[in-house]
PDB file of N, CA and C in Angstrom:
ATOM      1  N   MET A   1       0.852  -1.156   0.000  1.00  0.00           N
ATOM      2  CA  MET A   1       0.000   0.000   0.000  1.00  0.00           C
ATOM      3  C   MET A   1       0.902   1.223   0.000  1.00  0.00           C
ATOM      4  N   THR A   2       0.679   2.137  -0.919  1.00  0.00           N
ATOM      5  CA  THR A   2       1.510   3.328  -1.009  1.00  0.00           C
ATOM      6  C   THR A   2       0.960   4.464  -0.156  1.00  0.00           C
ATOM      7  N   SER A   3      -0.259   4.351   0.318  1.00  0.00           N
ATOM      8  CA  SER A   3      -0.864   5.376   1.153  1.00  0.00           C
ATOM      9  C   SER A   3      -0.422   5.211   2.600  1.00  0.00           C
ATOM     10  N   LYS A   4      -0.485   6.316   3.346  1.00  0.00           N
ATOM     11  CA  LYS A   4      -0.094   6.298   4.749  1.00  0.00           C
ATOM     12  C   LYS A   4      -1.288   5.882   5.615  1.00  0.00           C
ATOM     13  N   VAL A   5      -1.057   4.947   6.532  1.00  0.00           N
ATOM     14  CA  VAL A   5      -2.096   4.536   7.467  1.00  0.00           C
ATOM     15  C   VAL A   5      -2.207   5.612   8.542  1.00  0.00           C
ATOM     16  N   VAL A   6      -3.421   6.144   8.715  1.00  0.00           N
ATOM     17  CA  VAL A   6      -3.679   7.215   9.675  1.00  0.00           C
ATOM     18  C   VAL A   6      -4.092   6.648  11.028  1.00  0.00           C
ATOM     19  N   ARG A   7      -4.898   5.609  10.988  1.00  0.00           N
ATOM     20  CA  ARG A   7      -5.450   5.059  12.232  1.00  0.00           C
ATOM     21  C   ARG A   7      -5.939   3.638  11.994  1.00  0.00           C
ATOM     22  N   VAL A   8      -5.820   2.794  12.999  1.00  0.00           N
ATOM     23  CA  VAL A   8      -6.395   1.454  12.971  1.00  0.00           C
ATOM     24  C   VAL A   8      -7.305   1.341  14.188  1.00  0.00           C
ATOM     25  N   ASN A   9      -8.595   1.120  13.939  1.00  0.00           N
ATOM     26  CA  ASN A   9      -9.574   0.972  15.006  1.00  0.00           C
ATOM     27  C   ASN A   9      -9.994  -0.488  15.092  1.00  0.00           C
ATOM     28  N   VAL A  10      -9.976  -1.034  16.289  1.00  0.00           N
ATOM     29  CA  VAL A  10     -10.360  -2.429  16.513  1.00  0.00           C
ATOM     30  C   VAL A  10     -11.504  -2.439  17.511  1.00  0.00           C
ATOM     31  N   ARG A  11     -12.643  -3.014  17.060  1.00  0.00           N
ATOM     32  CA  ARG A  11     -13.829  -3.039  17.921  1.00  0.00           C
ATOM     33  C   ARG A  11     -14.486  -4.416  17.894  1.00  0.00           C
ATOM     34  N   PRO A  12     -14.499  -5.108  19.028  1.00  0.00           N
ATOM     35  CA  PRO A  12     -15.207  -6.388  19.085  1.00  0.00           C
ATOM     36  C   PRO A  12     -16.720  -6.151  19.135  1.00  0.00           C
ATOM     37  N   ARG A  13     -17.464  -7.080  18.543  1.00  0.00           N
ATOM     38  CA  ARG A  13     -18.927  -7.002  18.560  1.00  0.00           C
ATOM     39  C   ARG A  13     -19.479  -8.379  18.222  1.00  0.00           C
ATOM     40  N   PHE A  14     -20.795  -8.492  18.144  1.00  0.00           N
ATOM     41  CA  PHE A  14     -21.446  -9.727  17.742  1.00  0.00           C
ATOM     42  C   PHE A  14     -22.173  -9.487  16.429  1.00  0.00           C
ATOM     43  N   ASP A  15     -22.097 -10.465  15.513  1.00  0.00           N
ATOM     44  CA  ASP A  15     -22.770 -10.312  14.224  1.00  0.00           C
ATOM     45  C   ASP A  15     -24.247 -10.694  14.362  1.00  0.00           C
ATOM     46  N   HIS A  16     -24.953 -10.730  13.235  1.00  0.00           N
ATOM     47  CA  HIS A  16     -26.395 -10.992  13.248  1.00  0.00           C
ATOM     48  C   HIS A  16     -26.746 -12.400  13.729  1.00  0.00           C
ATOM     49  N   ASP A  17     -25.790 -13.329  13.715  1.00  0.00           N
ATOM     50  CA  ASP A  17     -25.999 -14.681  14.242  1.00  0.00           C
ATOM     51  C   ASP A  17     -25.522 -14.806  15.684  1.00  0.00           C
ATOM     52  N   ASP A  18     -25.167 -13.674  16.288  1.00  0.00           N
ATOM     53  CA  ASP A  18     -24.666 -13.609  17.658  1.00  0.00           C
ATOM     54  C   ASP A  18     -23.310 -14.292  17.830  1.00  0.00           C
ATOM     55  N   ASP A  19     -22.527 -14.342  16.734  1.00  0.00           N
ATOM     56  CA  ASP A  19     -21.163 -14.853  16.788  1.00  0.00           C
ATOM     57  C   ASP A  19     -20.212 -13.681  17.033  1.00  0.00           C
ATOM     58  N   PRO A  20     -19.140 -13.903  17.798  1.00  0.00           N
ATOM     59  CA  PRO A  20     -18.194 -12.814  18.041  1.00  0.00           C
ATOM     60  C   PRO A  20     -17.365 -12.499  16.784  1.00  0.00           C
ATOM     61  N   VAL A  21     -17.246 -11.228  16.474  1.00  0.00           N
ATOM     62  CA  VAL A  21     -16.408 -10.744  15.372  1.00  0.00           C
ATOM     63  C   VAL A  21     -15.657  -9.514  15.867  1.00  0.00           C
ATOM     64  N   VAL A  22     -14.626  -9.155  15.145  1.00  0.00           N
ATOM     65  CA  VAL A  22     -13.857  -7.954  15.470  1.00  0.00           C
ATOM     66  C   VAL A  22     -13.759  -7.103  14.211  1.00  0.00           C
ATOM     67  N   ASP A  23     -14.315  -5.896  14.275  1.00  0.00           N
ATOM     68  CA  ASP A  23     -14.180  -4.955  13.164  1.00  0.00           C
ATOM     69  C   ASP A  23     -12.810  -4.306  13.253  1.00  0.00           C
ATOM     70  N   VAL A  24     -12.041  -4.411  12.176  1.00  0.00           N
ATOM     71  CA  VAL A  24     -10.734  -3.770  12.078  1.00  0.00           C
ATOM     72  C   VAL A  24     -10.837  -2.746  10.961  1.00  0.00           C
ATOM     73  N   ASN A  25     -10.948  -1.472  11.335  1.00  0.00           N
ATOM     74  CA  ASN A  25     -11.039  -0.391  10.358  1.00  0.00           C
ATOM     75  C   ASN A  25      -9.672   0.252  10.198  1.00  0.00           C
ATOM     76  N   ILE A  26      -9.131   0.147   8.995  1.00  0.00           N
ATOM     77  CA  ILE A  26      -7.826   0.737   8.689  1.00  0.00           C
ATOM     78  C   ILE A  26      -8.089   1.997   7.870  1.00  0.00           C
ATOM     79  N   ILE A  27      -7.857   3.158   8.481  1.00  0.00           N
ATOM     80  CA  ILE A  27      -8.074   4.437   7.812  1.00  0.00           C
ATOM     81  C   ILE A  27      -6.743   4.887   7.236  1.00  0.00           C
ATOM     82  N   TYR A  28      -6.740   5.171   5.938  1.00  0.00           N
ATOM     83  CA  TYR A  28      -5.500   5.570   5.272  1.00  0.00           C
ATOM     84  C   TYR A  28      -5.696   6.907   4.574  1.00  0.00           C
ATOM     85  N   ASP A  29      -4.603   7.620   4.390  1.00  0.00           N
ATOM     86  CA  ASP A  29      -4.615   8.923   3.732  1.00  0.00           C
ATOM     87  C   ASP A  29      -4.303   8.713   2.266  1.00  0.00           C
ATOM     88  N   GLY A  30      -5.301   8.795   1.455  1.00  0.00           N
ATOM     89  CA  GLY A  30      -5.146   8.592   0.021  1.00  0.00           C
ATOM     90  C   GLY A  30      -6.475   8.214  -0.598  1.00  0.00           C
ATOM     91  N   LYS A  31      -6.473   7.983  -1.885  1.00  0.00           N
ATOM     92  CA  LYS A  31      -7.674   7.590  -2.599  1.00  0.00           C
ATOM     93  C   LYS A  31      -7.675   6.086  -2.807  1.00  0.00           C
ATOM     94  N   TYR A  32      -8.853   5.526  -2.985  1.00  0.00           N
ATOM     95  CA  TYR A  32      -8.993   4.085  -3.190  1.00  0.00           C
ATOM     96  C   TYR A  32      -8.104   3.594  -4.321  1.00  0.00           C
ATOM     97  N   GLU A  33      -7.994   4.384  -5.377  1.00  0.00           N
ATOM     98  CA  GLU A  33      -7.201   3.981  -6.538  1.00  0.00           C
ATOM     99  C   GLU A  33      -5.722   3.829  -6.218  1.00  0.00           C
ATOM    100  N   GLN A  34      -5.265   4.425  -5.105  1.00  0.00           N
ATOM    101  CA  GLN A  34      -3.852   4.355  -4.746  1.00  0.00           C
ATOM    102  C   GLN A  34      -3.488   3.067  -4.022  1.00  0.00           C
ATOM    103  N   LEU A  35      -4.469   2.277  -3.647  1.00  0.00           N
ATOM    104  CA  LEU A  35      -4.178   1.051  -2.917  1.00  0.00           C
ATOM    105  C   LEU A  35      -3.629  -0.016  -3.849  1.00  0.00           C
ATOM    106  N   ASN A  36      -2.649  -0.721  -3.370  1.00  0.00           N
ATOM    107  CA  ASN A  36      -2.030  -1.808  -4.109  1.00  0.00           C
ATOM    108  C   ASN A  36      -2.731  -3.106  -3.711  1.00  0.00           C
ATOM    109  N   PRO A  37      -3.410  -3.788  -4.652  1.00  0.00           N
ATOM    110  CA  PRO A  37      -4.146  -5.009  -4.297  1.00  0.00           C
ATOM    111  C   PRO A  37      -3.288  -6.063  -3.599  1.00  0.00           C
ATOM    112  N   ALA A  38      -2.066  -6.248  -4.024  1.00  0.00           N
ATOM    113  CA  ALA A  38      -1.196  -7.234  -3.377  1.00  0.00           C
ATOM    114  C   ALA A  38      -0.903  -6.826  -1.937  1.00  0.00           C
ATOM    115  N   GLY A  39      -0.703  -5.546  -1.708  1.00  0.00           N
ATOM    116  CA  GLY A  39      -0.451  -5.039  -0.362  1.00  0.00           C
ATOM    117  C   GLY A  39      -1.671  -5.198   0.529  1.00  0.00           C
ATOM    118  N   LEU A  40      -2.858  -4.971  -0.038  1.00  0.00           N
ATOM    119  CA  LEU A  40      -4.089  -5.141   0.725  1.00  0.00           C
ATOM    120  C   LEU A  40      -4.257  -6.582   1.188  1.00  0.00           C
ATOM    121  N   LEU A  41      -3.999  -7.513   0.288  1.00  0.00           N
ATOM    122  CA  LEU A  41      -4.128  -8.925   0.643  1.00  0.00           C
ATOM    123  C   LEU A  41      -3.124  -9.321   1.712  1.00  0.00           C
ATOM    124  N   ARG A  42      -1.908  -8.779   1.624  1.00  0.00           N
ATOM    125  CA  ARG A  42      -0.877  -9.087   2.607  1.00  0.00           C
ATOM    126  C   ARG A  42      -1.282  -8.560   3.993  1.00  0.00           C
ATOM    127  N   VAL A  43      -1.774  -7.328   4.037  1.00  0.00           N
ATOM    128  CA  VAL A  43      -2.197  -6.745   5.312  1.00  0.00           C
ATOM    129  C   VAL A  43      -3.367  -7.533   5.887  1.00  0.00           C
ATOM    130  N   ARG A  44      -4.334  -7.853   5.045  1.00  0.00           N
ATOM    131  CA  ARG A  44      -5.516  -8.590   5.513  1.00  0.00           C
ATOM    132  C   ARG A  44      -5.127  -9.971   6.035  1.00  0.00           C
ATOM    133  N   SER A  45      -4.282 -10.678   5.297  1.00  0.00           N
ATOM    134  CA  SER A  45      -3.901 -12.017   5.736  1.00  0.00           C
ATOM    135  C   SER A  45      -3.072 -11.959   7.029  1.00  0.00           C
ATOM    136  N   GLU A  46      -2.269 -10.919   7.191  1.00  0.00           N
ATOM    137  CA  GLU A  46      -1.476 -10.778   8.414  1.00  0.00           C
ATOM    138  C   GLU A  46      -2.382 -10.527   9.616  1.00  0.00           C
ATOM    139  N   VAL A  47      -3.402  -9.696   9.447  1.00  0.00           N
ATOM    140  CA  VAL A  47      -4.337  -9.423  10.534  1.00  0.00           C
ATOM    141  C   VAL A  47      -5.089 -10.696  10.914  1.00  0.00           C
ATOM    142  N   VAL A  48      -5.589 -11.425   9.932  1.00  0.00           N
ATOM    143  CA  VAL A  48      -6.322 -12.664  10.199  1.00  0.00           C
ATOM    144  C   VAL A  48      -5.413 -13.691  10.866  1.00  0.00           C
ATOM    145  N   SER A  49      -4.187 -13.822  10.370  1.00  0.00           N
ATOM    146  CA  SER A  49      -3.238 -14.783  10.930  1.00  0.00           C
ATOM    147  C   SER A  49      -2.938 -14.481  12.397  1.00  0.00           C
ATOM    148  N   LYS A  50      -2.694 -13.219  12.722  1.00  0.00           N
ATOM    149  CA  LYS A  50      -2.394 -12.843  14.104  1.00  0.00           C
ATOM    150  C   LYS A  50      -3.595 -13.089  15.001  1.00  0.00           C
ATOM    151  N   ALA A  51      -4.778 -12.844  14.496  1.00  0.00           N
ATOM    152  CA  ALA A  51      -5.985 -13.054  15.293  1.00  0.00           C
ATOM    153  C   ALA A  51      -6.170 -14.537  15.614  1.00  0.00           C
ATOM    154  N   TRP A  52      -5.918 -15.403  14.639  1.00  0.00           N
ATOM    155  CA  TRP A  52      -6.093 -16.840  14.852  1.00  0.00           C
ATOM    156  C   TRP A  52      -5.027 -17.408  15.783  1.00  0.00           C
ATOM    157  N   ARG A  53      -3.826 -16.816  15.828  1.00  0.00           N
ATOM    158  CA  ARG A  53      -2.761 -17.307  16.698  1.00  0.00           C
ATOM    159  C   ARG A  53      -3.017 -16.994  18.160  1.00  0.00           C
ATOM    160  N   GLN A  54      -3.844 -16.010  18.433  1.00  0.00           N
ATOM    161  CA  GLN A  54      -4.112 -15.603  19.809  1.00  0.00           C
ATOM    162  C   GLN A  54      -5.403 -16.246  20.297  1.00  0.00           C
ATOM    163  N   VAL A  55      -5.415 -17.564  20.296  1.00  0.00           N
ATOM    164  CA  VAL A  55      -6.630 -18.307  20.638  1.00  0.00           C
ATOM    165  C   VAL A  55      -7.111 -18.011  22.050  1.00  0.00           C
ATOM    166  N   GLU A  56      -6.211 -17.873  23.006  1.00  0.00           N
ATOM    167  CA  GLU A  56      -6.628 -17.629  24.383  1.00  0.00           C
ATOM    168  C   GLU A  56      -7.320 -16.277  24.536  1.00  0.00           C
ATOM    169  N   ASP A  57      -7.041 -15.346  23.663  1.00  0.00           N
ATOM    170  CA  ASP A  57      -7.684 -14.038  23.688  1.00  0.00           C
ATOM    171  C   ASP A  57      -8.641 -13.882  22.512  1.00  0.00           C
ATOM    172  N   ASP A  58      -9.222 -14.980  22.055  1.00  0.00           N
ATOM    173  CA  ASP A  58     -10.072 -14.967  20.867  1.00  0.00           C
ATOM    174  C   ASP A  58     -11.294 -14.091  21.086  1.00  0.00           C
ATOM    175  N   LEU A  59     -11.329 -12.979  20.400  1.00  0.00           N
ATOM    176  CA  LEU A  59     -12.464 -12.068  20.474  1.00  0.00           C
ATOM    177  C   LEU A  59     -13.458 -12.313  19.350  1.00  0.00           C
ATOM    178  N   GLY A  60     -13.049 -13.063  18.340  1.00  0.00           N
ATOM    179  CA  GLY A  60     -13.909 -13.316  17.199  1.00  0.00           C
ATOM    180  C   GLY A  60     -13.147 -13.178  15.899  1.00  0.00           C
ATOM    181  N   PHE A  61     -13.814 -13.520  14.814  1.00  0.00           N
ATOM    182  CA  PHE A  61     -13.190 -13.455  13.501  1.00  0.00           C
ATOM    183  C   PHE A  61     -13.011 -12.003  13.079  1.00  0.00           C
ATOM    184  N   PRO A  62     -11.808 -11.633  12.598  1.00  0.00           N
ATOM    185  CA  PRO A  62     -11.575 -10.238  12.193  1.00  0.00           C
ATOM    186  C   PRO A  62     -12.212  -9.921  10.839  1.00  0.00           C
ATOM    187  N   LEU A  63     -12.932  -8.816  10.790  1.00  0.00           N
ATOM    188  CA  LEU A  63     -13.501  -8.280   9.554  1.00  0.00           C
ATOM    189  C   LEU A  63     -12.729  -7.009   9.237  1.00  0.00           C
ATOM    190  N   VAL A  64     -11.883  -7.075   8.220  1.00  0.00           N
ATOM    191  CA  VAL A  64     -10.966  -5.981   7.906  1.00  0.00           C
ATOM    192  C   VAL A  64     -11.596  -5.064   6.861  1.00  0.00           C
ATOM    193  N   HIS A  65     -11.614  -3.758   7.176  1.00  0.00           N
ATOM    194  CA  HIS A  65     -12.165  -2.742   6.275  1.00  0.00           C
ATOM    195  C   HIS A  65     -11.103  -1.670   6.034  1.00  0.00           C
ATOM    196  N   PHE A  66     -10.883  -1.317   4.776  1.00  0.00           N
ATOM    197  CA  PHE A  66      -9.977  -0.230   4.418  1.00  0.00           C
ATOM    198  C   PHE A  66     -10.828   0.981   4.070  1.00  0.00           C
ATOM    199  N   ILE A  67     -10.584   2.106   4.752  1.00  0.00           N
ATOM    200  CA  ILE A  67     -11.403   3.302   4.579  1.00  0.00           C
ATOM    201  C   ILE A  67     -10.497   4.480   4.265  1.00  0.00           C
ATOM    202  N   ALA A  68     -10.762   5.145   3.140  1.00  0.00           N
ATOM    203  CA  ALA A  68      -9.979   6.328   2.774  1.00  0.00           C
ATOM    204  C   ALA A  68     -10.359   7.490   3.681  1.00  0.00           C
ATOM    205  N   LYS A  69      -9.370   8.222   4.150  1.00  0.00           N
ATOM    206  CA  LYS A  69      -9.617   9.380   5.010  1.00  0.00           C
ATOM    207  C   LYS A  69     -10.534  10.372   4.311  1.00  0.00           C
ATOM    208  N   SER A  70     -10.401  10.491   3.002  1.00  0.00           N
ATOM    209  CA  SER A  70     -11.250  11.410   2.247  1.00  0.00           C
ATOM    210  C   SER A  70     -12.721  10.987   2.288  1.00  0.00           C
ATOM    211  N   ASP A  71     -12.998   9.712   2.535  1.00  0.00           N
ATOM    212  CA  ASP A  71     -14.376   9.223   2.601  1.00  0.00           C
ATOM    213  C   ASP A  71     -15.059   9.541   3.928  1.00  0.00           C
ATOM    214  N   ILE A  72     -14.293   9.871   4.952  1.00  0.00           N
ATOM    215  CA  ILE A  72     -14.909  10.149   6.250  1.00  0.00           C
ATOM    216  C   ILE A  72     -15.130  11.633   6.475  1.00  0.00           C
ATOM    217  N   GLY A  73     -14.679  12.452   5.545  1.00  0.00           N
ATOM    218  CA  GLY A  73     -14.894  13.892   5.646  1.00  0.00           C
ATOM    219  C   GLY A  73     -14.175  14.482   6.846  1.00  0.00           C
ATOM    220  N   ARG A  74     -14.919  15.259   7.623  1.00  0.00           N
ATOM    221  CA  ARG A  74     -14.321  15.937   8.782  1.00  0.00           C
ATOM    222  C   ARG A  74     -14.400  15.101  10.051  1.00  0.00           C
ATOM    223  N   ARG A  75     -14.934  13.913   9.965  1.00  0.00           N
ATOM    224  CA  ARG A  75     -15.050  13.057  11.155  1.00  0.00           C
ATOM    225  C   ARG A  75     -13.677  12.671  11.671  1.00  0.00           C
ATOM    226  N   ASP A  76     -13.587  12.488  12.954  1.00  0.00           N
ATOM    227  CA  ASP A  76     -12.356  12.060  13.598  1.00  0.00           C
ATOM    228  C   ASP A  76     -12.105  10.589  13.232  1.00  0.00           C
ATOM    229  N   PRO A  77     -10.914  10.245  12.706  1.00  0.00           N
ATOM    230  CA  PRO A  77     -10.619   8.849  12.345  1.00  0.00           C
ATOM    231  C   PRO A  77     -10.789   7.881  13.520  1.00  0.00           C
ATOM    232  N   ALA A  78     -10.693   8.353  14.743  1.00  0.00           N
ATOM    233  CA  ALA A  78     -10.853   7.487  15.908  1.00  0.00           C
ATOM    234  C   ALA A  78     -12.295   7.041  16.088  1.00  0.00           C
ATOM    235  N   THR A  79     -13.228   7.742  15.481  1.00  0.00           N
ATOM    236  CA  THR A  79     -14.642   7.407  15.651  1.00  0.00           C
ATOM    237  C   THR A  79     -15.183   6.512  14.555  1.00  0.00           C
ATOM    238  N   VAL A  80     -14.375   6.223  13.568  1.00  0.00           N
ATOM    239  CA  VAL A  80     -14.842   5.413  12.432  1.00  0.00           C
ATOM    240  C   VAL A  80     -14.725   3.947  12.760  1.00  0.00           C
TER     241      VAL A  80
END
């Protein structure tokens, strides 16, 4: 990924089936077109791999979202 990561927010929750999941929102400074698909897959697989290795602290399956800072407008990246 050639864009700069501004913030990573991690929030555990339960999905519609009441299964534990973890929302991982990666906010980056740049446009969607600037993302490198190979880099995205590497980051996503690394997050999933680390989550699965920490079985004793299993909060749920990670759902990774990449969000451009320009898409959140004036909102604080910590609140996304």
